[in-house]
Amino acid sequence: MCTHTPTCPTASSPDRESARIVAAHPEQGWSLLCNAVVLFEDTGELLPDGQLVAPHRPVAAVA
């Protein structure tokens, strides 16, 4: 599916979020990546097979 060089990571790769954006809709809070993953601004994801990945923002350290 990906025609970029180097190829974007697949939707099943741990680094899937590093794929290139092919459609951005910041006004709606989501972007479509080259690997068919929908990435939401809250860091949640919708994978091509319909699986949801819960938001996974880094947790700030408590001082």
N, C-alpha and C. Protein backbone atom coordinates (compact mmCIF):
# COMPACT_ATOMS: atom_id res chain seq x y z
N MET A 1 0.82 -1.19 0.00
CA MET A 1 0.00 0.00 0.00
C MET A 1 0.87 1.27 0.00
N CYS A 2 1.91 1.29 0.82
CA CYS A 2 2.77 2.47 0.94
C CYS A 2 3.74 2.54 -0.22
N THR A 3 3.85 3.73 -0.80
CA THR A 3 4.80 3.94 -1.90
C THR A 3 5.96 4.84 -1.48
N HIS A 4 6.07 5.15 -0.18
CA HIS A 4 7.15 6.00 0.30
C HIS A 4 8.45 5.22 0.42
N THR A 5 9.54 5.94 0.36
CA THR A 5 10.85 5.33 0.56
C THR A 5 11.52 6.07 1.70
N PRO A 6 11.88 5.41 2.77
CA PRO A 6 11.60 4.01 3.10
C PRO A 6 10.11 3.81 3.37
N THR A 7 9.69 2.58 3.33
CA THR A 7 8.28 2.24 3.50
C THR A 7 7.80 2.58 4.90
N CYS A 8 6.57 3.04 5.01
CA CYS A 8 5.98 3.34 6.31
C CYS A 8 5.75 2.05 7.08
N PRO A 9 5.79 2.12 8.41
CA PRO A 9 5.51 0.92 9.20
C PRO A 9 4.07 0.46 9.00
N THR A 10 3.85 -0.82 9.10
CA THR A 10 2.50 -1.37 8.94
C THR A 10 1.64 -1.02 10.15
N ALA A 11 0.35 -1.26 10.02
CA ALA A 11 -0.59 -0.97 11.10
C ALA A 11 -0.35 -1.87 12.31
N SER A 12 0.30 -3.00 12.12
CA SER A 12 0.57 -3.90 13.23
C SER A 12 1.93 -3.66 13.88
N SER A 13 2.72 -2.75 13.35
CA SER A 13 4.03 -2.43 13.92
C SER A 13 3.90 -1.57 15.17
N PRO A 14 4.81 -1.74 16.12
CA PRO A 14 4.76 -0.91 17.33
C PRO A 14 4.93 0.58 17.03
N ASP A 15 5.63 0.92 15.94
CA ASP A 15 5.86 2.32 15.58
C ASP A 15 4.90 2.80 14.48
N ARG A 16 3.69 2.23 14.42
CA ARG A 16 2.72 2.54 13.37
C ARG A 16 2.39 4.03 13.29
N GLU A 17 2.50 4.75 14.40
CA GLU A 17 2.17 6.18 14.42
C GLU A 17 3.16 7.03 13.63
N SER A 18 4.30 6.46 13.26
CA SER A 18 5.28 7.23 12.50
C SER A 18 5.05 7.18 10.99
N ALA A 19 4.00 6.52 10.56
CA ALA A 19 3.65 6.52 9.13
C ALA A 19 3.25 7.94 8.71
N ARG A 20 3.39 8.22 7.45
CA ARG A 20 3.05 9.55 6.93
C ARG A 20 1.56 9.81 6.93
N ILE A 21 1.21 11.06 7.15
CA ILE A 21 -0.19 11.48 7.12
C ILE A 21 -0.61 11.66 5.66
N VAL A 22 -1.73 11.04 5.28
CA VAL A 22 -2.23 11.19 3.91
C VAL A 22 -3.48 12.06 3.87
N ALA A 23 -4.17 12.22 5.01
CA ALA A 23 -5.32 13.11 5.09
C ALA A 23 -5.40 13.63 6.52
N ALA A 24 -5.39 14.95 6.66
CA ALA A 24 -5.45 15.55 7.99
C ALA A 24 -6.73 16.36 8.14
N HIS A 25 -7.40 16.17 9.25
CA HIS A 25 -8.62 16.91 9.57
C HIS A 25 -8.53 17.41 11.01
N PRO A 26 -7.63 18.37 11.26
CA PRO A 26 -7.44 18.85 12.64
C PRO A 26 -8.71 19.48 13.22
N GLU A 27 -9.56 20.03 12.37
CA GLU A 27 -10.80 20.62 12.87
C GLU A 27 -11.74 19.56 13.44
N GLN A 28 -11.54 18.30 13.02
CA GLN A 28 -12.34 17.19 13.53
C GLN A 28 -11.54 16.32 14.50
N GLY A 29 -10.23 16.59 14.61
CA GLY A 29 -9.41 15.89 15.58
C GLY A 29 -8.85 14.55 15.15
N TRP A 30 -8.68 14.32 13.84
CA TRP A 30 -8.13 13.05 13.39
C TRP A 30 -7.32 13.20 12.12
N SER A 31 -6.45 12.21 11.89
CA SER A 31 -5.64 12.13 10.67
C SER A 31 -5.61 10.68 10.20
N LEU A 32 -5.57 10.50 8.89
CA LEU A 32 -5.43 9.18 8.29
C LEU A 32 -3.97 8.99 7.91
N LEU A 33 -3.37 7.92 8.40
CA LEU A 33 -1.98 7.63 8.08
C LEU A 33 -1.87 6.72 6.87
N CYS A 34 -0.71 6.68 6.27
CA CYS A 34 -0.45 5.89 5.07
C CYS A 34 -0.75 4.40 5.27
N ASN A 35 -0.62 3.92 6.49
CA ASN A 35 -0.86 2.50 6.78
C ASN A 35 -2.32 2.23 7.14
N ALA A 36 -3.22 3.17 6.86
CA ALA A 36 -4.66 3.05 7.07
C ALA A 36 -5.08 3.15 8.53
N VAL A 37 -4.20 3.62 9.40
CA VAL A 37 -4.54 3.86 10.80
C VAL A 37 -5.14 5.26 10.90
N VAL A 38 -6.22 5.39 11.65
CA VAL A 38 -6.79 6.71 11.94
C VAL A 38 -6.26 7.09 13.31
N LEU A 39 -5.55 8.21 13.35
CA LEU A 39 -4.93 8.69 14.58
C LEU A 39 -5.72 9.89 15.08
N PHE A 40 -6.18 9.82 16.33
CA PHE A 40 -6.96 10.89 16.92
C PHE A 40 -6.07 11.81 17.73
N GLU A 41 -6.49 13.08 17.87
CA GLU A 41 -5.65 14.05 18.57
C GLU A 41 -5.45 13.71 20.04
N ASP A 42 -6.31 12.89 20.63
CA ASP A 42 -6.12 12.47 22.02
C ASP A 42 -5.17 11.28 22.13
N THR A 43 -4.52 10.91 21.02
CA THR A 43 -3.56 9.82 20.85
C THR A 43 -4.21 8.44 20.78
N GLY A 44 -5.53 8.38 20.72
CA GLY A 44 -6.20 7.11 20.47
C GLY A 44 -6.06 6.77 18.99
N GLU A 45 -6.31 5.51 18.66
CA GLU A 45 -6.16 5.06 17.27
C GLU A 45 -7.29 4.11 16.90
N LEU A 46 -7.63 4.10 15.62
CA LEU A 46 -8.52 3.11 15.05
C LEU A 46 -7.71 2.37 13.99
N LEU A 47 -7.52 1.08 14.20
CA LEU A 47 -6.72 0.27 13.28
C LEU A 47 -7.58 -0.20 12.12
N PRO A 48 -6.96 -0.56 11.00
CA PRO A 48 -7.72 -0.98 9.81
C PRO A 48 -8.65 -2.16 10.05
N ASP A 49 -8.33 -3.02 11.00
CA ASP A 49 -9.18 -4.18 11.27
C ASP A 49 -10.32 -3.85 12.24
N GLY A 50 -10.45 -2.57 12.63
CA GLY A 50 -11.54 -2.15 13.50
C GLY A 50 -11.19 -2.11 14.98
N GLN A 51 -9.99 -2.55 15.34
CA GLN A 51 -9.57 -2.50 16.74
C GLN A 51 -9.34 -1.06 17.17
N LEU A 52 -9.66 -0.79 18.42
CA LEU A 52 -9.41 0.53 19.00
C LEU A 52 -8.19 0.45 19.91
N VAL A 53 -7.38 1.50 19.86
CA VAL A 53 -6.24 1.63 20.77
C VAL A 53 -6.55 2.84 21.63
N ALA A 54 -6.61 2.61 22.93
CA ALA A 54 -6.96 3.69 23.86
C ALA A 54 -5.89 4.79 23.82
N PRO A 55 -6.28 6.02 24.13
CA PRO A 55 -5.30 7.10 24.21
C PRO A 55 -4.15 6.70 25.13
N HIS A 56 -2.96 7.07 24.73
CA HIS A 56 -1.78 6.68 25.50
C HIS A 56 -0.80 7.83 25.63
N ARG A 57 -1.29 8.89 26.23
CA ARG A 57 -0.44 10.05 26.48
C ARG A 57 0.58 9.71 27.56
N PRO A 58 1.76 10.31 27.46
CA PRO A 58 2.76 10.08 28.52
C PRO A 58 2.24 10.64 29.84
N VAL A 59 2.54 9.96 30.91
CA VAL A 59 2.14 10.40 32.24
C VAL A 59 3.26 11.26 32.82
N ALA A 60 2.92 12.45 33.29
CA ALA A 60 3.92 13.34 33.87
C ALA A 60 4.38 12.78 35.22
N ALA A 61 5.65 12.93 35.48
CA ALA A 61 6.22 12.48 36.76
C ALA A 61 5.76 13.44 37.87
N VAL A 62 5.44 12.88 39.01
CA VAL A 62 5.03 13.68 40.16
C VAL A 62 6.28 14.01 40.96
N ALA A 63 6.48 15.29 41.21
CA ALA A 63 7.69 15.70 41.92
C ALA A 63 7.52 15.66 43.41
